[in-house]
Amino acid sequence: MTSPTRDAVPGPAWTPSAVKPPLSARMVRATWRNLPARRHRIAWEPGLTVPAADGSPLITDHYFPREAGDFPTLLVRSPYGRGVPWSPQYGMLFAEQGFHVIVQSCRGTGGSGGTFDLWRNEAADGLATVNWLREQPWFNGTLGTVGPSYLGYVQWALALDPPPELKAMVVQVGLHDPYALFHTDGVLHLENALVVGTGMTYQHRGMPSFIKATLRLKRRLKDIVTARPLRGACAAAFGQEVPWLDDVLTHPDADDPYWRGASAAEAADRPGIPTALITGWHDALVDQTFAQYARLRAAGAESALLVGPWTHTSALQKGWPEVFAESLAWLRAHLCGDPSELRPTPVRMHTGGADAAWRDLDAWPLTPATTAWHPTADGHLTQQPPTDNAPLTSIGHDPADPTPSLGGPLLSLMAGSRDNRTLESRDDVLTFTGPVLTEAVTVLGAVSARISASTDTGFGDVFTRLCDVDAAGRSTNVCDGLAQVRTSGDDPAHLTVPMSVTAYRFAAGHRIRWQISAGAHPRYAPNPGTGEARAEAREFMPVRVTVHADSALMLPQQADGAGARDSAGRTP
């Protein structure tokens, strides 16, 4: 793409507004602490109209320093409205630091024209907004983007065909692949789909409307997730039909033409745009962030990665001082020519567990040796390989009493680390526990499970989780994953189940635990046991899943010393 040219004849002079940002934004702004000092007084131009790719009006607010100067521009495009929290968190805070900030409602949301359709219009509408920016007298030709979640997706969409003005991106807990947000191995992320549907439908209408809808979803959640069929039940939570969500529920196959063009992953294959990525270990999009970083590194792009002890929401709340500082440093370096606040290493991540601390790394991923931990019939976990692949033990999945989900990488407030002891006391949850560790063990990298499993109906799921068991017996989830099991006859299926990436230190005196169940509801839509599509199934059949001895938990681990001992003092 060639650089735009500006008319030699100057356009009309810009008379800056003196209007203060809305009171609600100023009140929220006043509550934040531990942020960089304000550099500029700011003003606000609300309700500007930007023509979308098809001419639909995109309603846009403009925040800017109320001082003379040449300031770069940040573009923030959101389907969640332009008010709180976006107005103080992005409009005000970044304008105070010396940026023009454009906060725009995506089409069909927040008063913008057209119809919202999840991903299909974001690339074209982003480029149309840049065309509008080129006509603004205050735009100096230097553009950056910033924002979380779907506000990260619109950044990747713009970067698919990047305008020459785009000089930096900061993607916070963001996605590039809508399919992976809603499905894993063809299994619907049911709870997350409902949370996204509520946010997309109501948050842009204002906080009172959004809070009311969130409370309604909470009251009706059980009825919705146990409905047969699942399709159509969601309308009760939203008070209306949501066509795009119905499409998401009924297209579980990643190769379905419905998802064609949804992923913006290839935008990370271009080296030209310096990009900072921010996520949390219990963010629902953590795996997408690591995939983005891998592609950026492979392309030779200038990039940085920050991974904190956060969930999707807490990264923008408890973690906001670190997230804002990281974002601001990156944008100043690449839009203002001021690299003074950049950290010296490209990767910074928080290692959880024992002696939790931030670590600065020159590279990621690291390459520790992978250790296989094998289950035994008596519930132990050992590094001794099995002698055969005989059936080991089995668990059931009863649709009338499905195995509940607990914590993990969710979009809701229930995300994160939880005490798993009550969950693990259920008959439909297996646990295999390693010996007491004599030295701390650090797990750094992608965790996975090799599972040999068979089912009595031919159709089932396996949910697999890594836990840390302390001296008091408290079992805390670290990372997890799920896959479908399809078998014919008595022969087991051999699955490799990705369990996400982690940086976690198991303390001496703790034990490593592998938890396995046949589902996690309502995090995942339950398997009907019949092969019927989950969103359409009316009849459910109890399923029994048998785990075989040649299964293994694969940990990229580093030991501080000899490693572990069992209760008899033996090393595994």
Protein backbone atom coordinates (compact mmCIF):
# COMPACT_ATOMS: atom_id res chain seq x y z
CA MET A 1 0.00 0.00 0.00
CA THR A 2 1.41 3.40 -0.92
CA SER A 3 1.59 6.24 1.54
CA PRO A 4 -1.29 8.72 1.37
CA THR A 5 -0.64 12.23 0.18
CA ARG A 6 -2.08 15.33 1.75
CA ASP A 7 -3.54 18.18 -0.22
CA ALA A 8 -1.22 21.11 -0.62
CA VAL A 9 -4.12 23.45 0.16
CA PRO A 10 -4.75 23.38 3.90
CA GLY A 11 -8.21 22.34 5.02
CA PRO A 12 -10.41 24.25 7.44
CA ALA A 13 -8.79 25.18 10.71
CA TRP A 14 -9.63 23.00 13.67
CA THR A 15 -11.13 24.68 16.68
CA PRO A 16 -10.52 22.33 19.60
CA SER A 17 -13.43 21.62 21.89
CA ALA A 18 -13.16 22.71 25.51
CA VAL A 19 -15.74 20.16 26.67
CA LYS A 20 -14.58 17.99 29.56
CA PRO A 21 -15.00 14.22 29.37
CA PRO A 22 -18.28 12.94 30.84
CA LEU A 23 -18.67 13.08 34.61
CA SER A 24 -19.01 9.30 34.91
CA ALA A 25 -15.63 8.85 33.20
CA ARG A 26 -13.97 11.50 35.36
CA MET A 27 -15.32 9.88 38.53
CA VAL A 28 -13.97 6.47 37.53
CA ARG A 29 -10.67 8.02 36.49
CA ALA A 30 -10.30 9.54 39.96
CA THR A 31 -10.39 6.09 41.59
CA TRP A 32 -7.24 4.72 39.93
CA ARG A 33 -3.94 4.71 41.75
CA ASN A 34 -0.35 3.80 40.92
CA LEU A 35 -0.55 5.16 37.38
CA PRO A 36 1.90 7.53 35.65
CA ALA A 37 1.35 11.20 36.42
CA ARG A 38 -0.93 13.10 34.05
CA ARG A 39 0.97 15.12 31.47
CA HIS A 40 -1.84 17.12 29.83
CA ARG A 41 -5.26 18.55 30.49
CA ILE A 42 -7.72 16.98 28.07
CA ALA A 43 -10.96 17.69 26.24
CA TRP A 44 -13.63 15.67 24.47
CA GLU A 45 -15.49 15.77 21.16
CA PRO A 46 -18.41 13.32 21.46
CA GLY A 47 -20.68 11.90 18.81
CA LEU A 48 -18.61 12.42 15.67
CA THR A 49 -19.83 10.56 12.60
CA VAL A 50 -17.36 8.51 10.59
CA PRO A 51 -18.57 6.85 7.37
CA ALA A 52 -18.05 3.07 7.39
CA ALA A 53 -16.98 1.09 4.35
CA ASP A 54 -20.58 1.03 3.06
CA GLY A 55 -21.42 4.54 4.28
CA SER A 56 -23.04 3.47 7.54
CA PRO A 57 -22.37 6.03 10.29
CA LEU A 58 -19.86 4.92 12.93
CA ILE A 59 -20.35 7.03 16.04
CA THR A 60 -17.02 8.16 17.43
CA ASP A 61 -15.67 10.11 20.41
CA HIS A 62 -12.42 12.06 20.28
CA TYR A 63 -10.24 12.67 23.38
CA PHE A 64 -7.20 14.92 23.06
CA PRO A 65 -4.71 17.10 24.98
CA ARG A 66 -5.91 20.68 25.44
CA GLU A 67 -2.49 22.03 24.58
CA ALA A 68 -0.63 22.99 21.46
CA GLY A 69 1.49 20.20 20.06
CA ASP A 70 1.87 17.48 17.50
CA PHE A 71 0.39 14.32 19.01
CA PRO A 72 0.02 10.82 17.53
CA THR A 73 -3.38 9.12 17.36
CA LEU A 74 -4.67 5.93 18.99
CA LEU A 75 -7.63 4.09 17.46
CA VAL A 76 -9.89 2.13 19.82
CA ARG A 77 -12.83 0.36 18.13
CA SER A 78 -15.35 -1.35 20.44
CA PRO A 79 -18.65 -3.25 20.20
CA TYR A 80 -19.20 -2.60 23.92
CA GLY A 81 -20.04 1.09 23.79
CA ARG A 82 -17.96 4.21 24.32
CA GLY A 83 -18.80 4.93 27.95
CA VAL A 84 -17.40 3.44 31.15
CA PRO A 85 -14.94 1.71 31.27
CA TRP A 86 -13.63 2.60 27.80
CA SER A 87 -13.97 6.37 28.17
CA PRO A 88 -11.77 6.69 31.30
CA GLN A 89 -9.54 3.66 30.72
CA TYR A 90 -8.58 4.45 27.15
CA GLY A 91 -9.98 7.83 26.12
CA MET A 92 -8.93 9.79 29.18
CA LEU A 93 -5.81 8.00 30.40
CA PHE A 94 -4.04 7.91 27.05
CA ALA A 95 -5.08 11.45 26.07
CA GLU A 96 -3.60 12.66 29.37
CA GLN A 97 -0.31 11.13 28.27
CA GLY A 98 -0.19 12.98 24.95
CA PHE A 99 -2.33 11.14 22.39
CA HIS A 100 -5.38 11.88 20.31
CA VAL A 101 -7.67 8.95 21.15
CA ILE A 102 -10.51 7.85 18.90
CA VAL A 103 -13.06 5.63 20.69
CA GLN A 104 -15.50 4.28 18.11
CA SER A 105 -18.56 2.03 18.31
CA CYS A 106 -18.43 -0.86 15.85
CA ARG A 107 -21.29 -1.00 13.39
CA GLY A 108 -24.63 -1.95 14.84
CA THR A 109 -23.53 -1.04 18.39
CA GLY A 110 -23.49 2.10 20.51
CA GLY A 111 -25.60 4.10 18.04
CA SER A 112 -23.52 3.23 14.96
CA GLY A 113 -25.45 2.27 11.86
CA GLY A 114 -25.58 -1.11 10.14
CA THR A 115 -25.81 -4.56 11.70
CA PHE A 116 -23.20 -6.09 13.98
CA ASP A 117 -21.97 -9.40 12.55
CA LEU A 118 -19.17 -10.51 14.88
CA TRP A 119 -16.13 -10.27 12.56
CA ARG A 120 -17.16 -9.71 8.98
CA ASN A 121 -16.92 -5.92 8.79
CA GLU A 122 -14.03 -5.01 11.07
CA ALA A 123 -11.21 -4.89 8.49
CA ALA A 124 -13.12 -2.70 6.05
CA ASP A 125 -14.58 -0.43 8.74
CA GLY A 126 -11.15 0.02 10.32
CA LEU A 127 -9.65 1.10 7.01
CA ALA A 128 -12.59 3.45 6.41
CA THR A 129 -11.87 5.06 9.79
CA VAL A 130 -8.23 5.58 8.83
CA ASN A 131 -9.40 7.26 5.62
CA TRP A 132 -11.47 9.62 7.77
CA LEU A 133 -8.50 10.29 10.04
CA ARG A 134 -6.43 11.41 7.06
CA GLU A 135 -8.88 14.27 6.56
CA GLN A 136 -8.63 15.55 10.13
CA PRO A 137 -6.43 18.63 10.60
CA TRP A 138 -5.07 17.34 13.91
CA PHE A 139 -3.98 13.95 12.52
CA ASN A 140 -0.20 13.93 12.04
CA GLY A 141 -0.01 10.66 10.10
CA THR A 142 1.19 8.51 13.02
CA LEU A 143 -1.30 5.91 14.24
CA GLY A 144 -1.36 3.23 16.91
CA THR A 145 -4.02 0.86 18.17
CA VAL A 146 -4.74 -0.45 21.65
CA GLY A 147 -7.45 -2.42 23.40
CA PRO A 148 -8.53 -5.72 25.00
CA SER A 149 -10.59 -8.75 23.99
CA TYR A 150 -12.65 -8.04 20.84
CA LEU A 151 -10.92 -4.64 20.77
CA GLY A 152 -7.81 -6.70 20.09
CA TYR A 153 -9.50 -8.57 17.25
CA VAL A 154 -10.29 -5.35 15.42
CA GLN A 155 -6.59 -4.45 15.62
CA TRP A 156 -5.59 -7.70 13.93
CA ALA A 157 -8.32 -7.16 11.33
CA LEU A 158 -6.89 -3.73 10.47
CA ALA A 159 -3.39 -5.23 10.30
CA LEU A 160 -4.46 -7.73 7.61
CA ASP A 161 -4.01 -4.90 5.10
CA PRO A 162 -2.25 -2.33 7.26
CA PRO A 163 -2.39 1.33 6.35
CA PRO A 164 1.05 2.94 6.20
CA GLU A 165 0.20 5.18 9.14
CA LEU A 166 -0.12 2.18 11.51
CA LYS A 167 3.13 2.17 13.49
CA ALA A 168 2.34 0.15 16.64
CA MET A 169 -0.25 -2.15 18.22
CA VAL A 170 -0.96 -3.19 21.79
CA VAL A 171 -3.23 -6.23 21.99
CA GLN A 172 -4.41 -6.82 25.56
CA VAL A 173 -6.02 -10.19 26.43
CA GLY A 174 -7.05 -10.19 22.77
CA LEU A 175 -8.11 -12.69 20.14
CA HIS A 176 -7.40 -13.22 16.47
CA ASP A 177 -9.55 -16.34 15.93
CA PRO A 178 -13.26 -16.16 16.83
CA TYR A 179 -13.68 -19.90 16.29
CA ALA A 180 -11.14 -20.69 19.02
CA LEU A 181 -12.95 -18.31 21.37
CA PHE A 182 -16.12 -20.38 21.08
CA HIS A 183 -14.96 -23.96 20.39
CA THR A 184 -12.23 -26.47 21.26
CA ASP A 185 -12.01 -29.63 19.15
CA GLY A 186 -15.61 -29.07 18.08
CA VAL A 187 -16.83 -28.61 21.66
CA LEU A 188 -18.71 -25.41 22.44
CA HIS A 189 -17.37 -23.15 25.20
CA LEU A 190 -20.90 -22.74 26.47
CA GLU A 191 -20.40 -20.46 29.47
CA ASN A 192 -18.05 -18.15 27.57
CA ALA A 193 -20.47 -18.00 24.62
CA LEU A 194 -23.24 -16.84 26.94
CA VAL A 195 -21.00 -14.21 28.56
CA VAL A 196 -19.87 -12.90 25.16
CA GLY A 197 -23.46 -12.87 23.92
CA THR A 198 -24.57 -10.84 26.92
CA GLY A 199 -21.73 -8.36 26.55
CA MET A 200 -22.18 -7.93 22.81
CA THR A 201 -25.94 -7.51 23.12
CA TYR A 202 -26.19 -5.19 26.11
CA GLN A 203 -22.94 -3.52 27.18
CA HIS A 204 -23.05 -0.94 24.38
CA ARG A 205 -26.51 0.10 25.63
CA GLY A 206 -25.08 1.39 28.91
CA MET A 207 -24.08 -0.05 32.27
CA PRO A 208 -27.61 -0.25 33.78
CA SER A 209 -28.82 -2.32 30.83
CA PHE A 210 -25.71 -4.50 30.91
CA ILE A 211 -25.91 -5.12 34.68
CA LYS A 212 -29.59 -6.05 34.40
CA ALA A 213 -28.82 -8.50 31.57
CA THR A 214 -25.91 -10.01 33.51
CA LEU A 215 -28.10 -10.63 36.55
CA ARG A 216 -30.79 -12.17 34.33
CA LEU A 217 -28.21 -14.55 32.83
CA LYS A 218 -27.07 -15.55 36.31
CA ARG A 219 -30.66 -16.31 37.40
CA ARG A 220 -31.47 -18.33 34.30
CA LEU A 221 -28.11 -19.97 33.66
CA LYS A 222 -29.06 -23.41 34.96
CA ASP A 223 -32.24 -23.56 32.89
CA ILE A 224 -30.39 -22.45 29.77
CA VAL A 225 -27.43 -24.81 29.97
CA THR A 226 -29.61 -27.84 30.76
CA ALA A 227 -32.18 -27.12 28.04
CA ARG A 228 -32.80 -29.80 25.42
CA PRO A 229 -32.12 -28.78 22.78
CA LEU A 230 -29.63 -26.11 23.71
CA ARG A 231 -30.31 -24.18 20.51
CA GLY A 232 -32.99 -21.57 21.09
CA ALA A 233 -32.65 -21.60 24.87
CA CYS A 234 -30.21 -18.68 24.88
CA ALA A 235 -32.90 -16.20 23.83
CA ALA A 236 -34.34 -16.45 27.35
CA ALA A 237 -31.11 -15.06 28.78
CA PHE A 238 -30.97 -12.14 26.38
CA GLY A 239 -34.66 -11.27 26.08
CA GLN A 240 -34.29 -11.45 22.29
CA GLU A 241 -32.89 -13.55 19.48
CA VAL A 242 -29.17 -13.10 18.79
CA PRO A 243 -28.65 -14.43 15.25
CA TRP A 244 -24.84 -14.43 15.28
CA LEU A 245 -24.77 -16.40 18.53
CA ASP A 246 -27.17 -18.98 17.11
CA ASP A 247 -24.77 -19.34 14.18
CA VAL A 248 -21.85 -19.83 16.56
CA LEU A 249 -23.71 -22.56 18.47
CA THR A 250 -24.61 -24.48 15.34
CA HIS A 251 -21.25 -24.39 13.53
CA PRO A 252 -18.84 -26.37 15.76
CA ASP A 253 -16.56 -27.51 12.91
CA ALA A 254 -13.54 -25.27 12.31
CA ASP A 255 -13.59 -26.23 8.61
CA ASP A 256 -17.19 -25.16 8.16
CA PRO A 257 -17.50 -22.43 5.48
CA TYR A 258 -19.24 -20.30 8.10
CA TRP A 259 -15.85 -19.59 9.71
CA ARG A 260 -14.10 -18.75 6.44
CA GLY A 261 -12.37 -15.40 6.83
CA ALA A 262 -13.00 -15.21 10.58
CA SER A 263 -9.41 -15.69 11.69
CA ALA A 264 -7.04 -12.73 11.37
CA ALA A 265 -4.05 -14.87 12.38
CA GLU A 266 -2.08 -14.16 9.22
CA ALA A 267 -1.81 -10.50 10.23
CA ALA A 268 0.89 -11.60 12.69
CA ASP A 269 2.94 -13.03 9.84
CA ARG A 270 3.91 -9.54 8.69
CA PRO A 271 7.01 -8.04 10.33
CA GLY A 272 6.21 -4.37 9.79
CA ILE A 273 4.11 -3.39 12.83
CA PRO A 274 5.75 -3.46 16.29
CA THR A 275 3.27 -5.32 18.50
CA ALA A 276 3.03 -5.75 22.27
CA LEU A 277 0.94 -8.63 23.60
CA ILE A 278 -0.51 -8.85 27.11
CA THR A 279 -2.34 -11.77 28.70
CA GLY A 280 -2.91 -13.61 32.00
CA TRP A 281 -2.39 -17.25 32.89
CA HIS A 282 -6.14 -17.70 33.45
CA ASP A 283 -7.25 -15.56 30.51
CA ALA A 284 -9.72 -17.36 28.25
CA LEU A 285 -7.59 -16.17 25.32
CA VAL A 286 -4.14 -17.00 26.70
CA ASP A 287 -3.46 -19.67 24.06
CA GLN A 288 -4.34 -17.24 21.28
CA THR A 289 -1.86 -14.74 22.69
CA PHE A 290 0.96 -17.29 22.72
CA ALA A 291 0.06 -18.26 19.14
CA GLN A 292 0.25 -14.60 18.13
CA TYR A 293 3.66 -14.21 19.75
CA ALA A 294 5.00 -17.30 18.00
CA ARG A 295 3.89 -16.00 14.61
CA LEU A 296 5.31 -12.54 15.25
CA ARG A 297 8.68 -14.02 16.23
CA ALA A 298 8.72 -16.31 13.21
CA ALA A 299 8.08 -13.30 10.98
CA GLY A 300 10.89 -11.33 12.60
CA ALA A 301 8.51 -8.69 13.91
CA GLU A 302 9.46 -6.42 16.79
CA SER A 303 7.31 -7.75 19.60
CA ALA A 304 6.95 -7.99 23.36
CA LEU A 305 5.02 -10.33 25.64
CA LEU A 306 3.69 -9.68 29.16
CA VAL A 307 1.97 -12.54 31.04
CA GLY A 308 0.58 -11.81 34.49
CA PRO A 309 -1.24 -13.70 37.28
CA TRP A 310 -4.58 -12.56 35.86
CA THR A 311 -7.88 -13.66 34.40
CA HIS A 312 -9.48 -12.02 31.38
CA THR A 313 -11.15 -9.38 33.55
CA SER A 314 -8.61 -8.96 36.36
CA ALA A 315 -5.92 -7.99 33.84
CA LEU A 316 -7.88 -4.77 33.31
CA GLN A 317 -8.66 -4.34 37.01
CA LYS A 318 -6.10 -5.62 39.51
CA GLY A 319 -3.47 -5.83 36.80
CA TRP A 320 -4.24 -2.46 35.21
CA PRO A 321 -1.20 -0.55 36.61
CA GLU A 322 1.17 -3.09 34.97
CA VAL A 323 -0.93 -3.38 31.81
CA PHE A 324 -1.22 0.39 31.37
CA ALA A 325 2.47 0.99 32.03
CA GLU A 326 3.46 -1.70 29.52
CA SER A 327 1.05 -0.34 26.91
CA LEU A 328 2.10 3.26 27.39
CA ALA A 329 5.82 2.45 27.19
CA TRP A 330 5.32 0.55 23.92
CA LEU A 331 3.24 3.29 22.33
CA ARG A 332 5.61 6.06 23.39
CA ALA A 333 8.55 4.14 22.01
CA HIS A 334 7.04 3.52 18.59
CA LEU A 335 4.79 6.54 18.10
CA CYS A 336 6.73 9.25 19.97
CA GLY A 337 10.34 8.08 19.56
CA ASP A 338 10.79 7.71 23.33
CA PRO A 339 12.01 4.19 24.27
CA SER A 340 13.11 5.19 27.77
CA GLU A 341 10.42 3.18 29.57
CA LEU A 342 10.78 -0.06 27.58
CA ARG A 343 11.99 -3.04 29.59
CA PRO A 344 15.28 -4.57 28.45
CA THR A 345 13.91 -8.04 27.62
CA PRO A 346 11.15 -8.94 25.16
CA VAL A 347 9.32 -11.28 27.56
CA ARG A 348 8.12 -10.69 31.09
CA MET A 349 5.99 -13.26 32.87
CA HIS A 350 4.80 -14.06 36.34
CA THR A 351 5.73 -17.48 37.67
CA GLY A 352 2.98 -18.76 39.97
CA GLY A 353 3.06 -21.17 42.87
CA ALA A 354 5.96 -21.24 45.30
CA ASP A 355 8.08 -18.08 45.46
CA ALA A 356 5.78 -16.41 42.92
CA ALA A 357 7.64 -13.65 41.12
CA TRP A 358 8.04 -11.79 37.85
CA ARG A 359 10.71 -13.10 35.47
CA ASP A 360 12.32 -11.20 32.60
CA LEU A 361 13.28 -13.50 29.75
CA ASP A 362 15.25 -13.00 26.56
CA ALA A 363 13.18 -15.56 24.68
CA TRP A 364 10.06 -17.71 24.76
CA PRO A 365 9.38 -20.56 24.59
CA LEU A 366 12.09 -22.05 26.76
CA THR A 367 13.07 -25.64 26.11
CA PRO A 368 13.11 -27.64 29.34
CA ALA A 369 13.01 -31.43 29.05
CA THR A 370 9.52 -32.90 28.97
CA THR A 371 8.78 -35.43 31.70
CA ALA A 372 6.02 -38.02 31.36
CA TRP A 373 3.98 -38.79 34.47
CA HIS A 374 1.90 -41.98 34.26
CA PRO A 375 -1.28 -42.90 36.17
CA THR A 376 -1.52 -46.08 38.23
CA ALA A 377 -4.53 -48.17 39.18
CA ASP A 378 -4.25 -47.12 42.83
CA GLY A 379 -4.44 -43.38 42.03
CA HIS A 380 -0.75 -42.55 42.04
CA LEU A 381 1.26 -40.62 39.48
CA THR A 382 4.70 -41.97 38.65
CA GLN A 383 7.51 -41.46 36.17
CA GLN A 384 7.78 -45.25 35.76
CA PRO A 385 6.46 -46.17 32.27
CA PRO A 386 3.61 -48.72 32.11
CA THR A 387 4.18 -52.23 30.77
CA ASP A 388 0.98 -52.37 28.72
CA ASN A 389 -2.07 -50.37 27.65
CA ALA A 390 -4.60 -52.30 29.71
CA PRO A 391 -7.74 -50.54 31.00
CA LEU A 392 -6.85 -48.70 34.20
CA THR A 393 -10.06 -47.19 35.56
CA SER A 394 -13.22 -45.54 34.31
CA ILE A 395 -15.53 -42.63 35.02
CA GLY A 396 -19.09 -41.81 34.05
CA HIS A 397 -20.77 -38.80 32.54
CA ASP A 398 -24.41 -38.45 33.57
CA PRO A 399 -26.27 -35.67 31.73
CA ALA A 400 -28.70 -35.47 34.64
CA ASP A 401 -25.80 -34.66 36.99
CA PRO A 402 -22.91 -33.47 34.80
CA THR A 403 -19.45 -32.96 36.23
CA PRO A 404 -19.32 -29.27 37.15
CA SER A 405 -16.66 -26.88 35.93
CA LEU A 406 -14.60 -24.96 38.46
CA GLY A 407 -12.33 -21.99 37.77
CA GLY A 408 -9.83 -22.00 34.94
CA PRO A 409 -9.66 -19.72 31.88
CA LEU A 410 -13.16 -18.28 31.79
CA LEU A 411 -14.55 -14.85 30.87
CA SER A 412 -16.71 -14.73 33.99
CA LEU A 413 -15.77 -13.76 37.53
CA MET A 414 -15.51 -17.48 38.38
CA ALA A 415 -12.24 -17.73 36.43
CA GLY A 416 -8.86 -18.46 37.96
CA SER A 417 -7.38 -20.75 40.58
CA ARG A 418 -9.79 -22.53 42.90
CA ASP A 419 -9.72 -25.18 45.61
CA ASN A 420 -10.61 -28.39 43.73
CA ARG A 421 -11.12 -30.68 46.73
CA THR A 422 -14.93 -30.71 46.61
CA LEU A 423 -14.89 -31.32 42.86
CA GLU A 424 -12.35 -34.12 43.25
CA SER A 425 -14.50 -35.88 45.85
CA ARG A 426 -17.10 -36.69 43.18
CA ASP A 427 -17.38 -40.21 41.76
CA ASP A 428 -17.10 -38.85 38.21
CA VAL A 429 -13.67 -37.26 38.75
CA LEU A 430 -10.40 -39.22 38.71
CA THR A 431 -7.23 -38.02 40.42
CA PHE A 432 -3.71 -39.36 40.12
CA THR A 433 -1.29 -37.83 42.61
CA GLY A 434 2.48 -37.85 42.55
CA PRO A 435 4.87 -38.32 45.46
CA VAL A 436 5.84 -35.56 47.84
CA LEU A 437 8.41 -33.34 46.14
CA THR A 438 11.75 -33.14 47.93
CA GLU A 439 12.80 -30.19 45.78
CA ALA A 440 10.78 -27.54 44.00
CA VAL A 441 9.82 -28.33 40.40
CA THR A 442 9.15 -25.55 37.88
CA VAL A 443 6.93 -26.21 34.88
CA LEU A 444 7.70 -23.83 32.01
CA GLY A 445 5.92 -24.16 28.70
CA ALA A 446 3.13 -26.06 26.98
CA VAL A 447 1.53 -28.77 29.12
CA SER A 448 -0.28 -31.62 27.39
CA ALA A 449 -1.75 -35.05 28.03
CA ARG A 450 -1.43 -38.24 26.03
CA ILE A 451 -4.61 -40.10 26.81
CA SER A 452 -5.67 -43.56 25.72
CA ALA A 453 -9.40 -43.82 26.33
CA SER A 454 -12.42 -45.81 25.22
CA THR A 455 -16.14 -45.21 25.68
CA ASP A 456 -19.13 -47.52 25.97
CA THR A 457 -21.23 -45.47 23.53
CA GLY A 458 -18.48 -44.50 21.09
CA PHE A 459 -18.79 -40.80 21.95
CA GLY A 460 -17.40 -38.98 24.96
CA ASP A 461 -15.12 -36.20 26.26
CA VAL A 462 -12.06 -36.10 28.46
CA PHE A 463 -11.28 -33.05 30.56
CA THR A 464 -7.74 -33.09 31.92
CA ARG A 465 -6.27 -30.73 34.51
CA LEU A 466 -2.92 -30.15 36.23
CA CYS A 467 -3.22 -29.33 39.94
CA ASP A 468 -0.87 -28.42 42.79
CA VAL A 469 -1.60 -30.23 46.08
CA ASP A 470 -0.18 -28.55 49.18
CA ALA A 471 0.72 -30.12 52.52
CA ALA A 472 -2.81 -29.59 53.82
CA GLY A 473 -4.34 -31.40 50.84
CA ARG A 474 -5.66 -28.32 49.05
CA SER A 475 -5.69 -28.98 45.30
CA THR A 476 -5.29 -25.85 43.14
CA ASN A 477 -5.79 -25.88 39.37
CA VAL A 478 -2.87 -24.72 37.22
CA CYS A 479 -3.94 -25.40 33.62
CA ASP A 480 -6.25 -27.75 31.73
CA GLY A 481 -7.73 -28.86 28.42
CA LEU A 482 -10.50 -30.92 26.80
CA ALA A 483 -10.88 -33.19 23.77
CA GLN A 484 -13.54 -35.43 22.28
CA VAL A 485 -13.19 -39.21 22.39
CA ARG A 486 -14.58 -41.19 19.46
CA THR A 487 -14.10 -44.96 19.55
CA SER A 488 -15.33 -48.06 17.80
CA GLY A 489 -15.49 -51.32 19.71
CA ASP A 490 -13.15 -51.90 22.64
CA ASP A 491 -10.05 -50.33 21.11
CA PRO A 492 -9.06 -47.07 22.79
CA ALA A 493 -8.55 -43.79 20.99
CA HIS A 494 -5.12 -42.21 21.41
CA LEU A 495 -5.42 -38.48 21.99
CA THR A 496 -3.01 -35.64 22.58
CA VAL A 497 -4.85 -33.00 24.59
CA PRO A 498 -3.25 -29.51 24.74
CA MET A 499 -3.54 -28.17 28.30
CA SER A 500 -2.33 -24.62 27.65
CA VAL A 501 0.95 -22.98 28.60
CA THR A 502 2.10 -22.22 32.12
CA ALA A 503 4.97 -20.97 34.25
CA TYR A 504 4.41 -22.52 37.66
CA ARG A 505 6.63 -23.64 40.54
CA PHE A 506 5.57 -26.62 42.66
CA ALA A 507 7.07 -26.19 46.12
CA ALA A 508 9.01 -28.80 47.99
CA GLY A 509 6.52 -30.68 50.16
CA HIS A 510 3.76 -30.32 47.54
CA ARG A 511 2.54 -32.96 45.09
CA ILE A 512 1.68 -32.88 41.40
CA ARG A 513 -1.86 -34.06 40.62
CA TRP A 514 -3.50 -35.06 37.35
CA GLN A 515 -7.27 -34.70 37.37
CA ILE A 516 -9.42 -36.34 34.68
CA SER A 517 -13.18 -36.22 34.15
CA ALA A 518 -15.61 -36.74 31.28
CA GLY A 519 -16.77 -33.13 31.14
CA ALA A 520 -16.80 -29.70 32.77
CA HIS A 521 -20.25 -28.16 32.73
CA PRO A 522 -21.32 -25.43 31.92
CA ARG A 523 -17.86 -24.36 30.77
CA TYR A 524 -18.24 -26.84 27.91
CA ALA A 525 -21.50 -27.99 26.35
CA PRO A 526 -21.95 -31.60 27.48
CA ASN A 527 -21.50 -34.53 25.14
CA PRO A 528 -24.90 -36.16 24.44
CA GLY A 529 -23.18 -39.55 24.11
CA THR A 530 -25.01 -40.29 20.87
CA GLY A 531 -22.93 -38.50 18.23
CA GLU A 532 -25.70 -35.92 17.73
CA ALA A 533 -24.70 -32.24 17.48
CA ARG A 534 -24.56 -30.72 20.97
CA ALA A 535 -26.68 -27.68 20.16
CA GLU A 536 -29.39 -29.82 18.53
CA ALA A 537 -29.43 -32.89 20.80
CA ARG A 538 -32.71 -33.74 22.51
CA GLU A 539 -31.77 -37.18 23.84
CA PHE A 540 -28.74 -37.71 26.06
CA MET A 541 -27.17 -41.03 26.97
CA PRO A 542 -24.94 -41.65 30.02
CA VAL A 543 -21.37 -42.36 28.93
CA ARG A 544 -18.60 -44.30 30.59
CA VAL A 545 -15.04 -43.34 29.67
CA THR A 546 -12.23 -45.82 30.41
CA VAL A 547 -8.67 -44.55 30.83
CA HIS A 548 -5.88 -46.93 29.78
CA ALA A 549 -2.49 -47.42 31.41
CA ASP A 550 -0.42 -45.95 28.57
CA SER A 551 -1.82 -42.47 29.24
CA ALA A 552 0.60 -39.77 30.40
CA LEU A 553 0.72 -36.21 31.69
CA MET A 554 3.48 -34.37 29.83
CA LEU A 555 5.23 -31.63 31.82
CA PRO A 556 8.04 -29.37 30.54
CA GLN A 557 9.69 -29.27 33.95
CA GLN A 558 12.87 -28.15 35.61
CA ALA A 559 13.83 -29.69 38.94
CA ASP A 560 15.95 -27.92 41.54
CA GLY A 561 17.45 -31.18 42.77
CA ALA A 562 16.69 -34.87 42.99
CA GLY A 563 13.00 -34.10 42.43
CA ALA A 564 10.55 -36.18 44.40
CA ARG A 565 10.03 -38.96 46.86
CA ASP A 566 7.00 -41.00 47.77
CA SER A 567 5.74 -41.67 51.26
CA ALA A 568 8.23 -44.54 51.60
CA GLY A 569 11.15 -42.35 50.57
CA ARG A 570 11.42 -43.84 47.08
CA THR A 571 12.12 -41.72 44.02
CA PRO A 572 9.59 -42.23 41.22
